[in-house]
Structure formats: structure tokens, C-alpha cells
Amino acid sequence: MCLAVPGRVLEIEERDATRMAKVDFGGVVKDVCLEYVPDMQVGDYAIVHVGFALQRLDEESAKQTLELFENLGVLEEEFGDAWGKAARDAGAERPAGTGRPPTGGVEKEARP
């Protein structure tokens, strides 16, 4: 499933003549293109879809949406560890050496 997820801008830089940001999605940090919303600033929240910030969002709405997505399990589906989720869904323990064990909640690492 692909979602438009709210995230908080942590830092902004020019990269190859493109305005880019590090954006925090409830603990998962990803690179996001800011070309569609050039007035975004550090600390702002944006709705992000497939690596592009689409619009600014107020902090309260962003936090409510992230909480709702987490409760529905869609943050783990979108950002969580696919191998760990597959193992848990199959009722198996994660094999040694394949990363962190399941936490029972949203894992805070991005998929490759």
C-alpha cells in the first residue's frame, strides 16, 4: 500500500540543484524532495507521497494522522521491516543475524 504520510522536516539542503530534506516519519527518517513546496522550513510538517512533499500540514493534524496510522498498523506496513513482519505473520521467530527481533509495535527502521 502506498500512503501519503505526514512527516516533520529535520534539515534541508540543495542536492544537484534540487531542494531536499531529511524528514522524520515517527522515528523513520527518509530523504524527501521539496520541489513541490519550496517554502517548507525546518520544523514544518508535510504530507509526503513516494518521496515528494505535496503540501504543508499543521503539527496537530500530523500527529493525529501518525497516531491513527500506527494504531491501524499501516506505518509498519509502509516503513517497517518486511522480513520481520513476514516472520511474525508466519508465527516464526526472526532468524539470528537478520536484524532486530520483533518489538510488538512499529519498528523504527526503513526498508531498503
Protein backbone atom coordinates (compact mmCIF):
# COMPACT_ATOMS: atom_id res chain seq x y z
CA MET A 1 0.00 0.00 0.00
CA CYS A 2 1.28 3.47 -0.76
CA LEU A 3 0.25 6.23 1.60
CA ALA A 4 0.70 9.95 1.78
CA VAL A 5 2.25 10.15 5.26
CA PRO A 6 2.90 13.24 7.37
CA GLY A 7 6.47 13.86 8.44
CA ARG A 8 8.49 16.59 10.14
CA VAL A 9 11.31 18.32 8.27
CA LEU A 10 14.57 17.89 10.19
CA GLU A 11 17.03 19.52 7.79
CA ILE A 12 17.05 20.99 4.30
CA GLU A 13 19.80 21.07 1.67
CA GLU A 14 20.33 21.66 -2.03
CA ARG A 15 21.36 18.46 -3.78
CA ASP A 16 22.07 18.53 -7.53
CA ALA A 17 20.04 21.77 -7.84
CA THR A 18 17.09 20.10 -6.07
CA ARG A 19 15.75 21.17 -2.67
CA MET A 20 15.83 18.05 -0.47
CA ALA A 21 15.03 17.38 3.18
CA LYS A 22 15.56 14.76 5.84
CA VAL A 23 12.03 14.06 7.09
CA ASP A 24 11.08 12.18 10.26
CA PHE A 25 8.03 9.90 9.99
CA GLY A 26 7.52 8.99 13.64
CA GLY A 27 11.07 7.67 14.02
CA VAL A 28 11.84 6.68 10.45
CA VAL A 29 13.94 9.31 8.63
CA LYS A 30 13.92 9.47 4.84
CA ASP A 31 15.09 11.83 2.11
CA VAL A 32 12.24 13.83 0.57
CA CYS A 33 12.11 16.20 -2.40
CA LEU A 34 10.71 19.65 -1.53
CA GLU A 35 10.37 20.98 -5.08
CA TYR A 36 6.54 21.00 -4.94
CA VAL A 37 6.51 23.00 -1.68
CA PRO A 38 9.58 25.26 -1.92
CA ASP A 39 8.61 27.35 1.12
CA MET A 40 8.91 24.44 3.59
CA GLN A 41 11.17 25.16 6.57
CA VAL A 42 12.88 23.03 9.20
CA GLY A 43 10.27 22.06 11.79
CA ASP A 44 7.34 22.16 9.35
CA TYR A 45 5.19 19.10 8.74
CA ALA A 46 4.45 17.91 5.21
CA ILE A 47 2.30 15.28 3.57
CA VAL A 48 4.75 13.07 1.67
CA HIS A 49 3.99 10.55 -1.06
CA VAL A 50 6.63 8.44 -2.86
CA GLY A 51 9.43 10.73 -1.72
CA PHE A 52 7.81 14.07 -2.61
CA ALA A 53 6.40 16.59 -0.15
CA LEU A 54 2.99 17.55 -1.52
CA GLN A 55 1.68 20.10 0.99
CA ARG A 56 2.27 21.61 4.42
CA LEU A 57 0.31 20.22 7.39
CA ASP A 58 -0.14 21.63 10.88
CA GLU A 59 1.57 19.77 13.71
CA GLU A 60 -1.62 18.63 15.48
CA SER A 61 -3.08 17.11 12.31
CA ALA A 62 0.24 15.43 11.52
CA LYS A 63 0.46 13.85 14.99
CA GLN A 64 -3.16 12.68 14.91
CA THR A 65 -2.66 11.11 11.50
CA LEU A 66 0.59 9.37 12.52
CA GLU A 67 -1.12 8.01 15.65
CA LEU A 68 -4.06 6.73 13.62
CA PHE A 69 -1.77 5.09 11.03
CA GLU A 70 0.27 3.46 13.82
CA ASN A 71 -2.86 2.11 15.53
CA LEU A 72 -4.04 0.68 12.20
CA GLY A 73 -0.64 -0.92 11.58
CA VAL A 74 -0.08 0.88 8.30
CA LEU A 75 3.14 2.58 9.45
CA GLU A 76 4.76 -0.80 9.98
CA GLU A 77 3.47 -1.92 6.58
CA GLU A 78 4.81 1.23 4.94
CA PHE A 79 8.09 1.68 6.87
CA GLY A 80 8.63 -1.43 8.99
CA ASP A 81 10.95 -4.31 8.43
CA ALA A 82 9.36 -6.60 5.82
CA TRP A 83 11.41 -9.68 6.84
CA GLY A 84 10.46 -9.35 10.49
CA LYS A 85 6.80 -8.77 9.62
CA ALA A 86 6.77 -11.82 7.33
CA ALA A 87 8.32 -13.96 10.07
CA ARG A 88 5.79 -12.73 12.66
CA ASP A 89 2.90 -13.29 10.25
CA ALA A 90 4.13 -16.86 9.76
CA GLY A 91 4.39 -17.35 13.54
CA ALA A 92 8.16 -17.80 13.35
CA GLU A 93 10.93 -16.16 15.29
CA ARG A 94 13.28 -13.95 13.32
CA PRO A 95 16.38 -15.92 12.22
CA ALA A 96 19.62 -14.98 14.01
CA GLY A 97 21.66 -12.36 12.22
CA THR A 98 18.76 -10.83 10.28
CA GLY A 99 18.33 -7.69 12.35
CA ARG A 100 16.44 -6.74 15.45
CA PRO A 101 13.84 -9.06 16.95
CA PRO A 102 10.15 -8.12 16.74
CA THR A 103 9.16 -5.38 19.19
CA GLY A 104 5.41 -5.86 19.13
CA GLY A 105 4.95 -2.33 17.81
CA VAL A 106 6.12 -0.23 14.93
CA GLU A 107 9.75 -0.94 14.19
CA LYS A 108 11.76 2.21 13.66
CA GLU A 109 13.85 1.31 10.65
CA ALA A 110 13.27 1.94 6.98
CA ARG A 111 13.07 -0.71 4.33
CA PRO A 112 15.97 -0.72 1.86
